[in-house]
Amino acid sequence: MKILFIFLIIIVPSKVLSLEKAMFPFTIDEQVKEAEDNETFIKETSKEIIKDDYWNSPLTKLDYMLMQIKKTADKTSEYLLSDTESGTVLDGYFEKGMYLKKYRKIFGTYKKQEVENYIYFDEAKGKIIISFQIKELGKAKQPMKEICSSMMELYMGGLHMPRQELIGYSYHNTLLKELFRGGDYKDYNKYLEKIAKNIVYVLSLTSINQKSMEKRDEEIFNMTCFKTSKDSEVEFRKWSYKAKE
């Protein structure tokens, strides 16, 4: 049967596919101008970016380092939202936030936690800011001050993120990458130490304590903690308000 099938394919001429212009079902679509080959939609040219020194200056080694730190921050964000046996990592600290009953057919029962990170160099202060903002958290299972301090120690001063001090070759292995140009790892210590001791951690947690599932009646709490150096104490700031229909 296989031999016969191959033979038939060879001797039976292929059919020619007929292509004709199709009319759009709606008149308003049919009135749109026909696309032309190699047509450009850009009618005006600009030299603003080309002639701007800021956008045409080369990236520095510091810029490269910030991009590597950003990659580690993204890994940490993913980890915080990763699934465990009892939910996400964040569910260990906060109850699951829930949508009001009237919205659940559209959005589902539970709210999706949000983790955003921002990595930048503060020119005025000369510091590298590593900032995480976590939102849509449910009711806190313990004091938010304790949660903020604990999460900063575990996930910002550890895990994927660079520490505020040079320990072993952790910086070399995770951040140096293409900047390594041979020699011994220790040759780069004096440069990497300047990065490590000028990192500032910032962690912002926003929790919603829902009083009703029928209408908006909730308390919103924010706890922000920050650590400016290896030897500094963790500092805290807070804000809160009530929202009620």
Protein backbone atom coordinates (compact mmCIF):
# COMPACT_ATOMS: atom_id res chain seq x y z
CA MET A 1 0.00 0.00 0.00
CA LYS A 2 2.86 2.41 0.78
CA ILE A 3 4.40 1.84 -2.66
CA LEU A 4 1.06 2.44 -4.43
CA PHE A 5 0.47 5.65 -2.42
CA ILE A 6 3.82 7.11 -3.39
CA PHE A 7 3.24 6.18 -7.04
CA LEU A 8 -0.12 7.94 -7.10
CA ILE A 9 1.40 11.12 -5.67
CA ILE A 10 3.94 11.15 -8.45
CA ILE A 11 1.62 10.60 -11.39
CA VAL A 12 -1.42 12.65 -10.28
CA PRO A 13 -0.94 16.30 -11.26
CA SER A 14 -1.39 18.80 -8.43
CA LYS A 15 -4.41 21.10 -8.60
CA VAL A 16 -3.83 24.80 -9.24
CA LEU A 17 -5.12 26.94 -6.38
CA SER A 18 -7.25 29.85 -7.61
CA LEU A 19 -6.80 33.12 -5.71
CA GLU A 20 -9.25 35.97 -6.14
CA LYS A 21 -9.83 39.19 -4.22
CA ALA A 22 -12.41 38.74 -1.45
CA MET A 23 -14.83 41.45 -0.44
CA PHE A 24 -15.05 42.42 3.24
CA PRO A 25 -18.49 41.62 4.71
CA PHE A 26 -18.85 45.17 6.06
CA THR A 27 -18.85 48.26 3.82
CA ILE A 28 -16.80 50.32 6.27
CA ASP A 29 -13.98 47.75 6.01
CA GLU A 30 -14.15 47.62 2.23
CA GLN A 31 -13.70 51.40 2.07
CA VAL A 32 -10.26 51.23 3.71
CA LYS A 33 -7.33 51.89 1.36
CA GLU A 34 -5.71 48.81 -0.18
CA ALA A 35 -2.28 47.84 1.15
CA GLU A 36 0.61 48.29 -1.28
CA ASP A 37 3.87 46.36 -1.42
CA ASN A 38 6.77 48.10 0.39
CA GLU A 39 4.46 50.89 1.52
CA THR A 40 5.72 53.01 4.42
CA PHE A 41 3.41 54.60 6.96
CA ILE A 42 6.02 57.15 8.10
CA LYS A 43 5.60 60.40 6.22
CA GLU A 44 7.79 62.70 8.33
CA THR A 45 11.42 62.24 9.37
CA SER A 46 13.05 63.37 12.61
CA LYS A 47 16.65 63.93 13.72
CA GLU A 48 15.84 64.64 17.38
CA ILE A 49 17.06 61.25 18.67
CA ILE A 50 19.96 60.99 16.20
CA LYS A 51 21.40 64.36 17.24
CA ASP A 52 20.76 64.00 20.98
CA ASP A 53 23.99 63.39 22.93
CA TYR A 54 22.10 61.71 25.77
CA TRP A 55 20.63 58.96 23.59
CA ASN A 56 23.82 58.45 21.62
CA SER A 57 26.26 58.21 24.52
CA PRO A 58 27.64 54.69 25.15
CA LEU A 59 26.45 52.56 28.06
CA THR A 60 28.79 52.47 31.04
CA LYS A 61 29.90 49.46 33.08
CA LEU A 62 27.53 50.75 35.77
CA ASP A 63 24.63 50.62 33.31
CA TYR A 64 25.55 47.02 32.53
CA MET A 65 25.65 46.18 36.24
CA LEU A 66 22.19 47.73 36.75
CA MET A 67 20.85 45.55 33.93
CA GLN A 68 22.26 42.43 35.61
CA ILE A 69 20.71 43.44 38.95
CA LYS A 70 17.40 43.97 37.14
CA LYS A 71 17.56 40.38 35.86
CA THR A 72 18.06 39.08 39.41
CA ALA A 73 15.17 41.25 40.62
CA ASP A 74 12.90 39.76 37.96
CA LYS A 75 13.83 36.27 39.17
CA THR A 76 12.92 37.28 42.71
CA SER A 77 9.58 38.68 41.54
CA GLU A 78 8.80 35.41 39.78
CA TYR A 79 9.79 33.44 42.87
CA LEU A 80 7.49 35.44 45.15
CA LEU A 81 4.57 34.62 42.84
CA SER A 82 5.56 30.99 42.32
CA ASP A 83 3.25 28.21 43.48
CA THR A 84 3.80 26.16 46.63
CA GLU A 85 1.62 23.50 48.26
CA SER A 86 -0.40 26.19 50.02
CA GLY A 87 -0.46 28.79 47.22
CA THR A 88 2.15 31.40 46.32
CA VAL A 89 5.13 32.28 48.51
CA LEU A 90 3.26 35.46 49.50
CA ASP A 91 0.33 33.42 50.82
CA GLY A 92 2.58 32.41 53.69
CA TYR A 93 2.43 36.01 54.93
CA PHE A 94 -0.99 37.24 53.81
CA GLU A 95 -4.43 35.73 53.35
CA LYS A 96 -5.71 35.51 49.80
CA GLY A 97 -7.43 38.70 48.68
CA MET A 98 -10.92 38.12 47.30
CA TYR A 99 -13.05 39.98 44.78
CA LEU A 100 -16.50 41.13 45.77
CA LYS A 101 -19.11 38.49 44.97
CA LYS A 102 -20.64 40.57 42.16
CA TYR A 103 -17.30 40.54 40.28
CA ARG A 104 -16.36 36.90 40.69
CA LYS A 105 -18.07 35.68 37.52
CA ILE A 106 -15.74 37.97 35.59
CA PHE A 107 -12.49 37.87 37.56
CA GLY A 108 -12.73 34.71 39.64
CA THR A 109 -12.71 34.41 43.42
CA TYR A 110 -9.20 35.46 44.37
CA LYS A 111 -7.26 38.56 43.42
CA LYS A 112 -3.92 38.15 41.68
CA GLN A 113 -1.01 39.47 43.72
CA GLU A 114 1.22 42.00 41.96
CA VAL A 115 4.99 42.28 42.33
CA GLU A 116 6.87 45.12 40.64
CA ASN A 117 10.57 45.92 40.95
CA TYR A 118 12.56 49.03 40.10
CA ILE A 119 16.33 49.18 39.76
CA TYR A 120 18.01 52.54 39.20
CA PHE A 121 20.98 54.69 40.14
CA ASP A 122 20.17 57.80 42.17
CA GLU A 123 22.58 60.37 40.75
CA ALA A 124 22.04 62.85 43.59
CA LYS A 125 22.69 60.32 46.37
CA GLY A 126 25.18 58.13 44.51
CA LYS A 127 23.23 55.01 45.50
CA ILE A 128 21.81 52.01 43.63
CA ILE A 129 18.17 51.62 44.59
CA ILE A 130 16.65 48.12 44.59
CA SER A 131 12.93 48.60 45.16
CA PHE A 132 10.07 46.10 45.28
CA GLN A 133 6.37 47.02 45.45
CA ILE A 134 3.93 44.23 46.28
CA LYS A 135 0.20 44.94 45.96
CA GLU A 136 -3.19 43.21 46.09
CA LEU A 137 -2.26 41.39 49.27
CA GLY A 138 -4.98 40.16 51.58
CA LYS A 139 -5.13 40.51 55.35
CA ALA A 140 -1.72 40.18 57.04
CA LYS A 141 -1.22 37.00 59.09
CA GLN A 142 1.22 38.74 61.44
CA PRO A 143 2.38 42.34 62.05
CA MET A 144 3.33 43.93 58.73
CA LYS A 145 6.45 45.42 60.29
CA GLU A 146 7.69 41.90 61.04
CA ILE A 147 6.70 40.65 57.59
CA CYS A 148 8.48 43.50 55.83
CA SER A 149 11.67 43.02 57.83
CA SER A 150 11.64 39.24 57.35
CA MET A 151 10.96 39.40 53.60
CA MET A 152 13.69 41.98 53.11
CA GLU A 153 16.22 39.76 54.84
CA LEU A 154 15.16 36.60 53.02
CA TYR A 155 14.46 37.82 49.50
CA MET A 156 16.32 41.12 49.04
CA GLY A 157 19.43 40.47 51.10
CA GLY A 158 19.54 36.86 49.98
CA LEU A 159 18.15 34.45 47.39
CA HIS A 160 18.89 35.93 43.94
CA MET A 161 19.55 39.53 44.98
CA PRO A 162 23.02 41.02 45.58
CA ARG A 163 23.92 41.66 49.22
CA GLN A 164 25.09 44.96 50.65
CA GLU A 165 28.55 43.52 51.19
CA LEU A 166 30.96 41.48 49.13
CA ILE A 167 30.90 37.87 50.35
CA GLY A 168 33.10 35.36 48.55
CA TYR A 169 32.53 35.38 44.81
CA SER A 170 28.74 35.80 44.78
CA TYR A 171 28.96 39.09 42.87
CA HIS A 172 31.53 37.71 40.47
CA ASN A 173 29.44 34.64 39.67
CA THR A 174 26.06 36.34 39.26
CA LEU A 175 26.68 39.93 38.12
CA LEU A 176 30.16 40.37 36.62
CA LYS A 177 29.56 38.11 33.60
CA GLU A 178 30.88 39.71 30.38
CA LEU A 179 32.77 42.36 32.35
CA PHE A 180 35.21 39.65 33.41
CA ARG A 181 38.26 40.11 31.18
CA GLY A 182 40.55 37.49 32.61
CA GLY A 183 42.90 37.50 35.56
CA ASP A 184 41.87 36.49 39.07
CA TYR A 185 38.44 37.10 40.53
CA LYS A 186 40.05 39.04 43.37
CA ASP A 187 41.26 41.63 40.86
CA TYR A 188 37.66 42.87 40.61
CA ASN A 189 36.96 43.05 44.34
CA LYS A 190 37.72 46.76 44.77
CA TYR A 191 35.24 47.61 42.00
CA LEU A 192 32.48 45.28 43.15
CA GLU A 193 32.81 46.38 46.77
CA LYS A 194 31.85 49.91 45.70
CA ILE A 195 28.67 48.50 44.17
CA ALA A 196 27.82 46.35 47.19
CA LYS A 197 28.24 49.03 49.85
CA ASN A 198 26.14 51.55 47.92
CA ILE A 199 23.04 49.41 47.47
CA VAL A 200 19.80 50.50 49.15
CA TYR A 201 16.88 48.10 49.64
CA VAL A 202 13.28 49.31 49.61
CA LEU A 203 10.25 47.03 50.10
CA SER A 204 6.65 48.25 49.97
CA LEU A 205 3.72 45.99 50.98
CA THR A 206 0.08 46.96 50.45
CA SER A 207 -2.53 44.85 52.24
CA ILE A 208 -6.33 45.06 51.96
CA ASN A 209 -8.52 44.00 54.87
CA GLN A 210 -12.00 43.43 53.41
CA LYS A 211 -14.93 43.95 55.77
CA SER A 212 -17.66 42.89 53.33
CA MET A 213 -17.98 40.66 50.28
CA GLU A 214 -21.14 42.40 49.06
CA LYS A 215 -19.89 45.98 48.61
CA ARG A 216 -16.65 47.90 48.94
CA ASP A 217 -15.91 48.21 52.63
CA GLU A 218 -12.20 47.81 53.25
CA GLU A 219 -9.12 49.03 55.07
CA ILE A 220 -5.92 49.54 53.07
CA PHE A 221 -2.59 49.29 54.88
CA ASN A 222 0.87 49.98 53.50
CA MET A 223 4.14 49.17 55.25
CA THR A 224 7.40 50.23 53.61
CA CYS A 225 10.79 49.24 54.97
CA PHE A 226 14.22 50.24 53.76
CA LYS A 227 17.82 49.44 54.57
CA THR A 228 20.46 51.90 53.38
CA SER A 229 23.61 49.84 54.11
CA LYS A 230 24.89 46.60 55.58
CA ASP A 231 25.32 48.10 59.04
CA SER A 232 22.19 50.28 59.12
CA GLU A 233 19.00 49.32 60.92
CA VAL A 234 15.87 48.58 58.91
CA GLU A 235 13.61 51.65 58.98
CA PHE A 236 9.85 51.67 58.47
CA ARG A 237 7.14 53.98 57.17
CA LYS A 238 3.39 53.37 56.93
CA TRP A 239 0.15 54.77 55.59
CA SER A 240 -3.45 53.58 55.68
CA TYR A 241 -7.01 54.59 54.87
CA LYS A 242 -10.56 53.25 54.78
CA ALA A 243 -12.76 52.94 51.70
CA LYS A 244 -16.51 52.37 51.99
CA GLU A 245 -19.42 52.57 49.58
